């Protein structure tokens, strides 16, 4: 059975739970909930496992804080013996408008501290990443407060659709590979609220 590691980046702690920098965590939480998977605390992070059409998927939320994400990713890549082509990292991106989602097979960290740590620990840029745009609506010197700030009410309204599209891209990465997944993600339209919101609402009521 082919194995895949999906790492969603963020910071641990309730104070960071709904911040822009935690898009990776929020994506994996929503995916796990929709898949009836449960996170457990393990070395360097929380992990959840499930099968996706005959492929084993491990979700990883590093507990190392954003700037040291590479330690967790390297450990789980080695522990699970995951080839880098089966690694996907999901993170936020200041350089993309809020809600824009992009997948790339390789590339530089683009100034993202979590990706920089992963690149350093893996000694490679050859892994796929999904960047979730959070915009850059902050004044000079306000970047840290912006990325560590909570999502606005308008952003929260858009979140279910953003998470749905990000999860769909991650599933495509596992099922059809990064090249086709990039094209599929690029062509996927934004939805009004989206099916994931209905699914999460249904599960909440159960």
N, C-alpha and C. Protein backbone atom coordinates (compact mmCIF):
# COMPACT_ATOMS: atom_id res chain seq x y z
N UNK A 1 0.85 -1.20 0.00
CA UNK A 1 0.00 0.00 0.00
C UNK A 1 0.89 1.25 0.00
N UNK A 2 0.65 2.15 -0.95
CA UNK A 2 1.41 3.39 -1.01
C UNK A 2 1.09 4.25 0.21
N UNK A 3 2.11 4.92 0.75
CA UNK A 3 1.93 5.75 1.93
C UNK A 3 2.25 7.21 1.61
N UNK A 4 1.48 8.10 2.21
CA UNK A 4 1.64 9.53 2.01
C UNK A 4 1.65 10.25 3.35
N UNK A 5 2.48 11.29 3.43
CA UNK A 5 2.53 12.13 4.62
C UNK A 5 2.06 13.52 4.24
N UNK A 6 1.02 13.99 4.92
CA UNK A 6 0.49 15.33 4.69
C UNK A 6 0.74 16.14 5.96
N UNK A 7 1.61 17.12 5.88
CA UNK A 7 1.95 17.95 7.04
C UNK A 7 1.26 19.30 6.90
N UNK A 8 0.47 19.65 7.88
CA UNK A 8 -0.16 20.97 7.92
C UNK A 8 0.55 21.81 8.95
N UNK A 9 1.01 22.99 8.56
CA UNK A 9 1.84 23.80 9.45
C UNK A 9 1.00 24.77 10.29
N UNK A 10 1.49 25.02 11.50
CA UNK A 10 0.83 25.95 12.41
C UNK A 10 1.55 25.99 13.73
N UNK A 11 0.94 26.66 14.68
CA UNK A 11 1.48 26.75 16.03
C UNK A 11 0.51 26.11 17.01
N UNK A 12 1.03 25.37 17.97
CA UNK A 12 0.18 24.71 18.95
C UNK A 12 -0.30 25.71 20.00
N UNK A 13 -1.42 25.39 20.62
CA UNK A 13 -1.96 26.25 21.67
C UNK A 13 -3.26 26.91 21.24
N UNK A 14 -4.19 27.04 22.18
CA UNK A 14 -5.50 27.63 21.87
C UNK A 14 -5.39 29.06 21.37
N UNK A 15 -4.36 29.78 21.81
CA UNK A 15 -4.23 31.19 21.42
C UNK A 15 -3.91 31.34 19.93
N UNK A 16 -3.45 30.26 19.31
CA UNK A 16 -3.12 30.32 17.89
C UNK A 16 -4.14 29.60 17.00
N UNK A 17 -5.15 29.01 17.60
CA UNK A 17 -6.03 28.07 16.87
C UNK A 17 -6.69 28.69 15.65
N UNK A 18 -7.13 29.93 15.74
CA UNK A 18 -7.86 30.55 14.62
C UNK A 18 -7.07 31.67 13.97
N UNK A 19 -5.75 31.59 14.06
CA UNK A 19 -4.91 32.63 13.45
C UNK A 19 -4.60 32.28 12.00
N UNK A 20 -4.24 33.31 11.23
CA UNK A 20 -3.96 33.12 9.80
C UNK A 20 -2.80 32.16 9.57
N UNK A 21 -1.85 32.14 10.50
CA UNK A 21 -0.66 31.29 10.36
C UNK A 21 -0.99 29.81 10.54
N UNK A 22 -2.21 29.50 10.98
CA UNK A 22 -2.57 28.12 11.28
C UNK A 22 -3.46 27.50 10.21
N UNK A 23 -3.39 27.99 8.99
CA UNK A 23 -4.19 27.42 7.91
C UNK A 23 -3.91 25.93 7.71
N UNK A 24 -2.66 25.53 7.89
CA UNK A 24 -2.31 24.12 7.75
C UNK A 24 -3.00 23.25 8.78
N UNK A 25 -2.96 23.69 10.04
CA UNK A 25 -3.63 22.96 11.11
C UNK A 25 -5.13 22.88 10.85
N UNK A 26 -5.73 24.01 10.47
CA UNK A 26 -7.17 24.04 10.27
C UNK A 26 -7.59 23.10 9.14
N UNK A 27 -6.77 23.03 8.10
CA UNK A 27 -7.08 22.13 6.99
C UNK A 27 -7.07 20.67 7.45
N UNK A 28 -6.04 20.28 8.20
CA UNK A 28 -5.95 18.89 8.64
C UNK A 28 -7.04 18.56 9.66
N UNK A 29 -7.38 19.51 10.53
CA UNK A 29 -8.46 19.26 11.48
C UNK A 29 -9.77 18.98 10.75
N UNK A 30 -10.06 19.79 9.72
CA UNK A 30 -11.30 19.61 8.96
C UNK A 30 -11.27 18.29 8.19
N UNK A 31 -10.13 17.95 7.60
CA UNK A 31 -10.00 16.70 6.84
C UNK A 31 -10.17 15.49 7.74
N UNK A 32 -9.53 15.53 8.91
CA UNK A 32 -9.64 14.41 9.85
C UNK A 32 -11.09 14.25 10.31
N UNK A 33 -11.74 15.35 10.62
CA UNK A 33 -13.13 15.27 11.08
C UNK A 33 -14.03 14.69 10.00
N UNK A 34 -13.85 15.14 8.76
CA UNK A 34 -14.68 14.63 7.66
C UNK A 34 -14.37 13.18 7.34
N UNK A 35 -13.19 12.69 7.74
CA UNK A 35 -12.77 11.31 7.45
C UNK A 35 -12.93 10.39 8.65
N UNK A 36 -13.51 10.91 9.73
CA UNK A 36 -13.67 10.13 10.96
C UNK A 36 -12.34 9.64 11.50
N UNK A 37 -11.30 10.42 11.30
CA UNK A 37 -9.97 10.10 11.83
C UNK A 37 -9.73 10.92 13.09
N UNK A 38 -8.99 10.36 14.01
CA UNK A 38 -8.73 11.01 15.30
C UNK A 38 -7.24 11.23 15.47
N UNK A 39 -6.87 12.45 15.84
CA UNK A 39 -5.47 12.74 16.09
C UNK A 39 -5.04 12.17 17.43
N UNK A 40 -3.81 11.68 17.45
CA UNK A 40 -3.19 11.23 18.70
C UNK A 40 -1.86 11.93 18.85
N UNK A 41 -1.48 12.16 20.07
CA UNK A 41 -0.21 12.82 20.34
C UNK A 41 0.93 11.83 20.18
N UNK A 42 1.91 12.19 19.40
CA UNK A 42 3.06 11.33 19.13
C UNK A 42 4.32 12.19 19.14
N UNK A 43 5.42 11.63 18.71
CA UNK A 43 6.68 12.37 18.75
C UNK A 43 6.64 13.54 17.76
N UNK A 44 6.97 14.69 18.24
CA UNK A 44 7.06 15.91 17.43
C UNK A 44 5.72 16.38 16.85
N UNK A 45 4.60 15.82 17.30
CA UNK A 45 3.35 16.33 16.78
C UNK A 45 2.17 15.41 17.01
N UNK A 46 1.02 15.84 16.52
CA UNK A 46 -0.19 15.03 16.55
C UNK A 46 -0.37 14.40 15.17
N UNK A 47 -0.73 13.13 15.14
CA UNK A 47 -0.89 12.42 13.87
C UNK A 47 -2.24 11.71 13.83
N UNK A 48 -2.75 11.58 12.63
CA UNK A 48 -3.98 10.81 12.38
C UNK A 48 -3.77 10.02 11.11
N UNK A 49 -4.30 8.81 11.08
CA UNK A 49 -4.12 7.94 9.91
C UNK A 49 -5.46 7.45 9.39
N UNK A 50 -5.56 7.31 8.08
CA UNK A 50 -6.73 6.71 7.46
C UNK A 50 -6.35 6.24 6.07
N UNK A 51 -7.24 5.47 5.47
CA UNK A 51 -7.02 4.95 4.12
C UNK A 51 -7.85 5.76 3.13
N UNK A 52 -7.25 6.08 2.00
CA UNK A 52 -7.94 6.82 0.95
C UNK A 52 -7.81 6.01 -0.35
N UNK A 53 -8.85 5.26 -0.67
CA UNK A 53 -8.89 4.45 -1.88
C UNK A 53 -7.64 3.59 -2.04
N UNK A 54 -7.31 2.87 -0.98
CA UNK A 54 -6.19 1.93 -1.01
C UNK A 54 -4.84 2.55 -0.72
N UNK A 55 -4.81 3.82 -0.38
CA UNK A 55 -3.55 4.48 -0.04
C UNK A 55 -3.59 4.90 1.41
N UNK A 56 -2.50 4.70 2.13
CA UNK A 56 -2.44 5.08 3.53
C UNK A 56 -1.99 6.53 3.64
N UNK A 57 -2.79 7.31 4.34
CA UNK A 57 -2.50 8.73 4.52
C UNK A 57 -2.26 9.01 5.99
N UNK A 58 -1.14 9.67 6.30
CA UNK A 58 -0.85 10.13 7.65
C UNK A 58 -0.86 11.64 7.66
N UNK A 59 -1.70 12.21 8.52
CA UNK A 59 -1.75 13.65 8.71
C UNK A 59 -0.87 14.01 9.89
N UNK A 60 -0.08 15.07 9.74
CA UNK A 60 0.84 15.49 10.79
C UNK A 60 0.66 16.97 11.09
N UNK A 61 0.41 17.27 12.38
CA UNK A 61 0.43 18.65 12.86
C UNK A 61 1.62 18.78 13.81
N UNK A 62 2.72 19.38 13.35
CA UNK A 62 3.92 19.46 14.19
C UNK A 62 3.65 20.21 15.51
N UNK A 63 4.27 19.73 16.57
CA UNK A 63 4.16 20.39 17.88
C UNK A 63 5.40 21.23 18.19
N UNK A 64 6.22 21.45 17.18
CA UNK A 64 7.50 22.13 17.36
C UNK A 64 7.40 23.64 17.22
N UNK A 65 6.22 24.15 16.96
CA UNK A 65 5.98 25.53 16.56
C UNK A 65 6.51 25.74 15.14
N UNK A 66 5.96 26.77 14.50
CA UNK A 66 6.17 26.96 13.06
C UNK A 66 7.64 26.96 12.66
N UNK A 67 8.46 27.72 13.36
CA UNK A 67 9.84 27.94 12.91
C UNK A 67 10.71 26.69 12.98
N UNK A 68 10.25 25.65 13.66
CA UNK A 68 11.02 24.40 13.76
C UNK A 68 10.25 23.23 13.15
N UNK A 69 9.36 23.52 12.22
CA UNK A 69 8.53 22.48 11.61
C UNK A 69 9.36 21.37 10.97
N UNK A 70 10.54 21.71 10.49
CA UNK A 70 11.38 20.74 9.81
C UNK A 70 11.77 19.55 10.66
N UNK A 71 11.91 19.75 11.96
CA UNK A 71 12.29 18.64 12.83
C UNK A 71 11.20 17.57 12.83
N UNK A 72 9.93 18.02 12.90
CA UNK A 72 8.82 17.07 12.90
C UNK A 72 8.67 16.39 11.54
N UNK A 73 8.75 17.16 10.48
CA UNK A 73 8.57 16.59 9.14
C UNK A 73 9.69 15.60 8.84
N UNK A 74 10.91 15.96 9.14
CA UNK A 74 12.02 15.04 8.89
C UNK A 74 11.86 13.74 9.67
N UNK A 75 11.47 13.85 10.95
CA UNK A 75 11.31 12.64 11.75
C UNK A 75 10.27 11.72 11.14
N UNK A 76 9.10 12.26 10.74
CA UNK A 76 8.02 11.41 10.25
C UNK A 76 8.29 10.91 8.84
N UNK A 77 8.99 11.69 8.03
CA UNK A 77 9.42 11.19 6.72
C UNK A 77 10.31 9.97 6.89
N UNK A 78 11.26 10.06 7.82
CA UNK A 78 12.18 8.94 8.06
C UNK A 78 11.48 7.77 8.77
N UNK A 79 10.66 8.10 9.76
CA UNK A 79 10.00 7.06 10.55
C UNK A 79 9.07 6.21 9.67
N UNK A 80 8.33 6.87 8.79
CA UNK A 80 7.39 6.16 7.92
C UNK A 80 8.02 5.72 6.61
N UNK A 81 9.29 6.11 6.41
CA UNK A 81 10.01 5.80 5.16
C UNK A 81 9.23 6.32 3.95
N UNK A 82 8.84 7.58 4.04
CA UNK A 82 8.07 8.23 2.98
C UNK A 82 9.02 8.84 1.96
N UNK A 83 8.92 8.50 0.68
CA UNK A 83 9.72 9.19 -0.32
C UNK A 83 9.23 10.64 -0.44
N UNK A 84 10.14 11.56 -0.76
CA UNK A 84 9.77 12.97 -0.79
C UNK A 84 8.66 13.26 -1.79
N UNK A 85 8.56 12.44 -2.84
CA UNK A 85 7.48 12.68 -3.80
C UNK A 85 6.11 12.37 -3.22
N UNK A 86 6.07 11.70 -2.05
CA UNK A 86 4.80 11.41 -1.38
C UNK A 86 4.59 12.29 -0.15
N UNK A 87 5.35 13.37 -0.07
CA UNK A 87 5.20 14.34 1.02
C UNK A 87 4.49 15.58 0.49
N UNK A 88 3.47 16.02 1.22
CA UNK A 88 2.77 17.26 0.90
C UNK A 88 2.73 18.13 2.14
N UNK A 89 3.09 19.40 1.99
CA UNK A 89 3.07 20.35 3.10
C UNK A 89 2.04 21.42 2.78
N UNK A 90 1.18 21.72 3.74
CA UNK A 90 0.14 22.73 3.59
C UNK A 90 0.44 23.89 4.54
N UNK A 91 0.49 25.10 4.01
CA UNK A 91 0.83 26.26 4.84
C UNK A 91 0.11 27.50 4.33
N UNK A 92 0.19 28.57 5.10
CA UNK A 92 -0.35 29.87 4.71
C UNK A 92 0.65 30.60 3.81
N UNK A 93 0.18 31.62 3.11
CA UNK A 93 1.06 32.40 2.23
C UNK A 93 0.62 33.85 2.19
N UNK A 94 1.51 34.73 2.64
CA UNK A 94 1.24 36.17 2.62
C UNK A 94 1.20 36.74 1.21
N UNK A 95 1.86 36.08 0.29
CA UNK A 95 2.01 36.62 -1.06
C UNK A 95 0.83 36.31 -1.97
N UNK A 96 -0.16 35.58 -1.47
CA UNK A 96 -1.35 35.26 -2.25
C UNK A 96 -2.56 35.95 -1.63
N UNK A 97 -3.48 36.43 -2.45
CA UNK A 97 -4.71 37.02 -1.91
C UNK A 97 -5.45 36.02 -1.03
N UNK A 98 -6.18 36.52 -0.06
CA UNK A 98 -6.88 35.64 0.86
C UNK A 98 -7.80 34.68 0.10
N UNK A 99 -7.66 33.39 0.39
CA UNK A 99 -8.50 32.37 -0.21
C UNK A 99 -7.96 31.77 -1.49
N UNK A 100 -6.87 32.34 -2.03
CA UNK A 100 -6.25 31.77 -3.22
C UNK A 100 -5.42 30.56 -2.80
N UNK A 101 -5.51 29.48 -3.57
CA UNK A 101 -4.82 28.24 -3.22
C UNK A 101 -3.94 27.83 -4.40
N UNK A 102 -2.68 27.56 -4.11
CA UNK A 102 -1.74 27.17 -5.15
C UNK A 102 -0.95 25.94 -4.70
N UNK A 103 -0.70 25.04 -5.64
CA UNK A 103 0.14 23.87 -5.38
C UNK A 103 1.38 23.96 -6.26
N UNK A 104 2.53 23.64 -5.68
CA UNK A 104 3.79 23.58 -6.43
C UNK A 104 4.53 22.31 -6.06
N UNK A 105 5.21 21.73 -7.02
CA UNK A 105 5.94 20.48 -6.78
C UNK A 105 7.26 20.72 -6.05
N UNK A 106 7.83 21.87 -6.21
CA UNK A 106 9.13 22.17 -5.57
C UNK A 106 9.31 23.67 -5.57
N UNK A 107 10.37 24.14 -4.93
CA UNK A 107 10.64 25.57 -4.96
C UNK A 107 11.19 26.06 -3.65
N UNK A 108 11.52 27.34 -3.61
CA UNK A 108 12.09 27.94 -2.42
C UNK A 108 11.01 28.14 -1.36
N UNK A 109 11.45 28.51 -0.18
CA UNK A 109 10.52 28.71 0.93
C UNK A 109 9.72 29.99 0.78
N UNK A 110 10.18 30.91 -0.06
CA UNK A 110 9.45 32.14 -0.27
C UNK A 110 9.32 33.00 0.97
N UNK A 111 10.26 32.86 1.89
CA UNK A 111 10.22 33.66 3.11
C UNK A 111 9.37 33.06 4.22
N UNK A 112 8.80 31.89 4.00
CA UNK A 112 7.97 31.24 5.02
C UNK A 112 8.88 30.46 5.96
N UNK A 113 8.84 30.79 7.25
CA UNK A 113 9.77 30.18 8.21
C UNK A 113 9.56 28.68 8.36
N UNK A 114 8.32 28.23 8.28
CA UNK A 114 8.06 26.80 8.39
C UNK A 114 8.65 26.03 7.23
N UNK A 115 8.46 26.53 6.01
CA UNK A 115 9.04 25.89 4.84
C UNK A 115 10.56 25.97 4.86
N UNK A 116 11.10 27.08 5.35
CA UNK A 116 12.56 27.21 5.45
C UNK A 116 13.13 26.15 6.36
N UNK A 117 12.45 25.88 7.48
CA UNK A 117 12.91 24.84 8.40
C UNK A 117 12.85 23.47 7.76
N UNK A 118 11.78 23.19 7.03
CA UNK A 118 11.64 21.90 6.35
C UNK A 118 12.73 21.73 5.31
N UNK A 119 12.96 22.78 4.53
CA UNK A 119 14.00 22.73 3.51
C UNK A 119 15.37 22.45 4.14
N UNK A 120 15.64 23.09 5.26
CA UNK A 120 16.92 22.89 5.94
C UNK A 120 17.07 21.46 6.46
N UNK A 121 16.01 20.95 7.09
CA UNK A 121 16.09 19.62 7.70
C UNK A 121 16.10 18.51 6.65
N UNK A 122 15.36 18.69 5.57
CA UNK A 122 15.32 17.67 4.52
C UNK A 122 16.47 17.81 3.54
N UNK A 123 17.15 18.97 3.60
CA UNK A 123 18.23 19.29 2.65
C UNK A 123 17.72 19.16 1.22
N UNK A 124 16.50 19.63 1.01
CA UNK A 124 15.89 19.52 -0.31
C UNK A 124 14.71 20.48 -0.42
N UNK A 125 14.48 20.95 -1.64
CA UNK A 125 13.28 21.72 -1.96
C UNK A 125 12.30 20.89 -2.77
N UNK A 126 12.64 19.62 -2.97
CA UNK A 126 11.86 18.76 -3.87
C UNK A 126 10.74 18.04 -3.14
N UNK A 127 9.77 18.81 -2.66
CA UNK A 127 8.56 18.24 -2.08
C UNK A 127 7.41 19.16 -2.47
N UNK A 128 6.22 18.60 -2.56
CA UNK A 128 5.06 19.38 -2.98
C UNK A 128 4.50 20.16 -1.81
N UNK A 129 4.03 21.36 -2.11
CA UNK A 129 3.42 22.17 -1.06
C UNK A 129 2.15 22.83 -1.61
N UNK A 130 1.15 22.98 -0.74
CA UNK A 130 -0.04 23.78 -1.04
C UNK A 130 0.04 25.03 -0.19
N UNK A 131 -0.02 26.17 -0.85
CA UNK A 131 -0.01 27.46 -0.15
C UNK A 131 -1.42 28.02 -0.16
N UNK A 132 -1.89 28.41 1.01
CA UNK A 132 -3.22 28.99 1.17
C UNK A 132 -3.05 30.48 1.43
N UNK A 133 -3.55 31.29 0.52
CA UNK A 133 -3.36 32.73 0.63
C UNK A 133 -4.08 33.34 1.82
N UNK A 134 -3.36 34.20 2.55
CA UNK A 134 -3.97 34.92 3.67
C UNK A 134 -3.92 36.43 3.44
N UNK A 135 -3.43 36.86 2.25
CA UNK A 135 -3.36 38.28 1.97
C UNK A 135 -2.25 38.97 2.75
N UNK A 136 -2.12 40.26 2.53
CA UNK A 136 -1.08 41.03 3.23
C UNK A 136 -1.59 42.42 3.60
N UNK A 137 -2.78 42.41 4.20
CA UNK A 137 -3.42 43.67 4.57
C UNK A 137 -2.91 44.17 5.92
N UNK A 138 -1.66 44.55 5.94
CA UNK A 138 -1.09 45.07 7.19
C UNK A 138 -0.16 46.23 6.86
N UNK A 139 0.03 47.10 7.83
CA UNK A 139 0.89 48.26 7.65
C UNK A 139 2.34 47.88 7.86
N UNK A 140 3.22 48.77 7.51
CA UNK A 140 4.65 48.52 7.62
C UNK A 140 5.01 48.09 9.04
N UNK A 141 5.74 46.97 9.15
CA UNK A 141 6.14 46.47 10.46
C UNK A 141 5.07 45.63 11.16
N UNK A 142 3.94 45.43 10.50
CA UNK A 142 2.85 44.73 11.16
C UNK A 142 2.67 43.28 10.74
N UNK A 143 3.68 42.71 10.08
CA UNK A 143 3.52 41.36 9.54
C UNK A 143 3.29 40.31 10.62
N UNK A 144 4.07 40.36 11.69
CA UNK A 144 3.95 39.34 12.74
C UNK A 144 2.56 39.39 13.37
N UNK A 145 2.11 40.59 13.70
CA UNK A 145 0.78 40.72 14.31
C UNK A 145 -0.31 40.25 13.35
N UNK A 146 -0.09 40.46 12.06
CA UNK A 146 -1.10 40.06 11.07
C UNK A 146 -1.18 38.54 10.97
N UNK A 147 -0.05 37.86 10.78
CA UNK A 147 -0.10 36.41 10.59
C UNK A 147 -0.52 35.69 11.87
N UNK A 148 -0.20 36.28 13.01
CA UNK A 148 -0.57 35.67 14.28
C UNK A 148 -1.89 36.21 14.81
N UNK A 149 -2.56 37.03 13.99
CA UNK A 149 -3.86 37.55 14.36
C UNK A 149 -4.97 36.60 13.96
N UNK A 150 -6.09 36.70 14.65
CA UNK A 150 -7.23 35.82 14.35
C UNK A 150 -7.91 36.25 13.06
N UNK A 151 -8.51 35.30 12.39
CA UNK A 151 -9.27 35.59 11.18
C UNK A 151 -10.44 36.52 11.51
N UNK A 152 -10.71 37.42 10.59
CA UNK A 152 -11.85 38.32 10.76
C UNK A 152 -13.15 37.53 10.56
N UNK A 153 -14.27 38.14 10.88
CA UNK A 153 -15.56 37.46 10.71
C UNK A 153 -15.82 37.17 9.24
N UNK A 154 -15.42 38.09 8.35
CA UNK A 154 -15.59 37.85 6.92
C UNK A 154 -14.71 36.69 6.45
N UNK A 155 -13.49 36.63 6.95
CA UNK A 155 -12.60 35.53 6.59
C UNK A 155 -13.12 34.21 7.12
N UNK A 156 -13.67 34.23 8.32
CA UNK A 156 -14.24 33.00 8.89
C UNK A 156 -15.40 32.49 8.04
N UNK A 157 -16.19 33.41 7.49
CA UNK A 157 -17.30 33.00 6.63
C UNK A 157 -16.80 32.27 5.38
N UNK A 158 -15.62 32.66 4.90
CA UNK A 158 -15.06 32.05 3.69
C UNK A 158 -14.28 30.78 3.99
N UNK A 159 -13.98 30.54 5.26
CA UNK A 159 -13.09 29.45 5.63
C UNK A 159 -13.56 28.06 5.19
N UNK A 160 -14.84 27.70 5.37
CA UNK A 160 -15.25 26.34 4.97
C UNK A 160 -14.95 26.04 3.51
N UNK A 161 -15.20 26.99 2.62
CA UNK A 161 -14.92 26.78 1.20
C UNK A 161 -13.42 26.66 0.95
N UNK A 162 -12.63 27.49 1.62
CA UNK A 162 -11.17 27.44 1.45
C UNK A 162 -10.64 26.08 1.89
N UNK A 163 -11.12 25.60 3.03
CA UNK A 163 -10.67 24.30 3.53
C UNK A 163 -11.11 23.18 2.60
N UNK A 164 -12.34 23.28 2.09
CA UNK A 164 -12.84 22.25 1.18
C UNK A 164 -11.96 22.16 -0.06
N UNK A 165 -11.62 23.29 -0.65
CA UNK A 165 -10.80 23.30 -1.87
C UNK A 165 -9.38 22.82 -1.58
N UNK A 166 -8.85 23.18 -0.41
CA UNK A 166 -7.50 22.74 -0.05
C UNK A 166 -7.47 21.23 0.16
N UNK A 167 -8.46 20.70 0.85
CA UNK A 167 -8.54 19.26 1.07
C UNK A 167 -8.70 18.53 -0.25
N UNK A 168 -9.53 19.07 -1.16
CA UNK A 168 -9.71 18.44 -2.46
C UNK A 168 -8.39 18.38 -3.21
N UNK A 169 -7.58 19.45 -3.12
CA UNK A 169 -6.27 19.44 -3.75
C UNK A 169 -5.35 18.41 -3.14
N UNK A 170 -5.40 18.27 -1.82
CA UNK A 170 -4.56 17.28 -1.14
C UNK A 170 -4.98 15.86 -1.52
N UNK A 171 -6.28 15.62 -1.61
CA UNK A 171 -6.76 14.30 -2.03
C UNK A 171 -6.31 13.99 -3.44
N UNK A 172 -6.39 14.98 -4.33
CA UNK A 172 -5.94 14.77 -5.70
C UNK A 172 -4.45 14.47 -5.76
N UNK A 173 -3.68 15.12 -4.89
CA UNK A 173 -2.24 14.84 -4.82
C UNK A 173 -2.01 13.36 -4.54
N UNK A 174 -2.77 12.80 -3.62
CA UNK A 174 -2.62 11.39 -3.27
C UNK A 174 -3.13 10.48 -4.38
N UNK A 175 -4.24 10.83 -4.98
CA UNK A 175 -4.93 9.92 -5.89
C UNK A 175 -4.46 10.00 -7.34
N UNK A 176 -4.10 11.21 -7.81
CA UNK A 176 -3.75 11.35 -9.22
C UNK A 176 -2.39 11.98 -9.45
N UNK A 177 -1.67 12.31 -8.36
CA UNK A 177 -0.33 12.86 -8.50
C UNK A 177 -0.32 14.37 -8.60
N UNK A 178 0.83 14.97 -8.32
CA UNK A 178 0.91 16.44 -8.21
C UNK A 178 0.64 17.19 -9.50
N UNK A 179 1.09 16.66 -10.64
CA UNK A 179 0.90 17.40 -11.89
C UNK A 179 -0.58 17.59 -12.20
N UNK A 180 -1.34 16.50 -12.20
CA UNK A 180 -2.78 16.60 -12.46
C UNK A 180 -3.49 17.33 -11.33
N UNK A 181 -3.01 17.14 -10.10
CA UNK A 181 -3.64 17.81 -8.97
C UNK A 181 -3.49 19.32 -9.07
N UNK A 182 -2.34 19.79 -9.54
CA UNK A 182 -2.14 21.23 -9.70
C UNK A 182 -3.14 21.80 -10.68
N UNK A 183 -3.34 21.12 -11.80
CA UNK A 183 -4.29 21.59 -12.80
C UNK A 183 -5.72 21.55 -12.27
N UNK A 184 -6.05 20.49 -11.56
CA UNK A 184 -7.39 20.36 -11.00
C UNK A 184 -7.66 21.45 -9.97
N UNK A 185 -6.68 21.73 -9.13
CA UNK A 185 -6.84 22.75 -8.09
C UNK A 185 -6.97 24.13 -8.71
N UNK A 186 -6.19 24.37 -9.76
CA UNK A 186 -6.23 25.67 -10.43
C UNK A 186 -7.59 25.92 -11.07
N UNK A 187 -8.21 24.83 -11.56
CA UNK A 187 -9.48 24.97 -12.27
C UNK A 187 -10.69 24.90 -11.34
N UNK A 188 -10.48 24.53 -10.08
CA UNK A 188 -11.61 24.34 -9.17
C UNK A 188 -12.22 25.69 -8.78
N UNK A 189 -13.50 25.90 -9.03
CA UNK A 189 -14.12 27.20 -8.71
C UNK A 189 -14.38 27.33 -7.22
N UNK A 190 -14.45 28.59 -6.77
CA UNK A 190 -14.86 28.84 -5.40
C UNK A 190 -16.35 28.54 -5.29
N UNK A 191 -16.73 28.00 -4.14
CA UNK A 191 -18.14 27.67 -3.91
C UNK A 191 -18.72 28.61 -2.87
N UNK A 192 -20.04 28.66 -2.81
CA UNK A 192 -20.71 29.44 -1.78
C UNK A 192 -20.91 28.53 -0.57
N UNK A 193 -20.08 28.75 0.46
CA UNK A 193 -20.05 27.92 1.66
C UNK A 193 -19.44 26.55 1.38
N UNK A 194 -20.03 25.75 0.49
CA UNK A 194 -19.39 24.49 0.11
C UNK A 194 -19.92 23.29 0.85
N UNK A 195 -19.65 22.12 0.25
CA UNK A 195 -20.15 20.87 0.81
C UNK A 195 -19.51 20.57 2.15
N UNK A 196 -18.24 20.98 2.34
CA UNK A 196 -17.57 20.66 3.60
C UNK A 196 -18.28 21.31 4.77
N UNK A 197 -18.76 22.55 4.57
CA UNK A 197 -19.47 23.22 5.64
C UNK A 197 -20.70 22.42 6.06
N UNK A 198 -21.43 21.88 5.06
CA UNK A 198 -22.59 21.06 5.37
C UNK A 198 -22.18 19.78 6.08
N UNK A 199 -21.06 19.18 5.63
CA UNK A 199 -20.59 17.94 6.23
C UNK A 199 -20.16 18.17 7.68
N UNK A 200 -19.41 19.28 7.90
CA UNK A 200 -18.97 19.55 9.26
C UNK A 200 -20.15 19.89 10.17
N UNK A 201 -21.14 20.59 9.60
CA UNK A 201 -22.32 20.91 10.39
C UNK A 201 -23.10 19.68 10.76
N UNK A 202 -23.17 18.72 9.80
CA UNK A 202 -23.87 17.47 10.07
C UNK A 202 -23.19 16.68 11.17
N UNK A 203 -21.86 16.60 11.10
CA UNK A 203 -21.13 15.83 12.09
C UNK A 203 -21.22 16.49 13.48
N UNK A 204 -21.27 17.83 13.49
CA UNK A 204 -21.37 18.53 14.76
C UNK A 204 -22.68 18.21 15.46
N UNK A 205 -23.74 17.99 14.65
CA UNK A 205 -25.05 17.72 15.21
C UNK A 205 -25.22 16.28 15.64
N UNK A 206 -24.32 15.40 15.17
CA UNK A 206 -24.46 13.97 15.47
C UNK A 206 -24.09 13.67 16.93
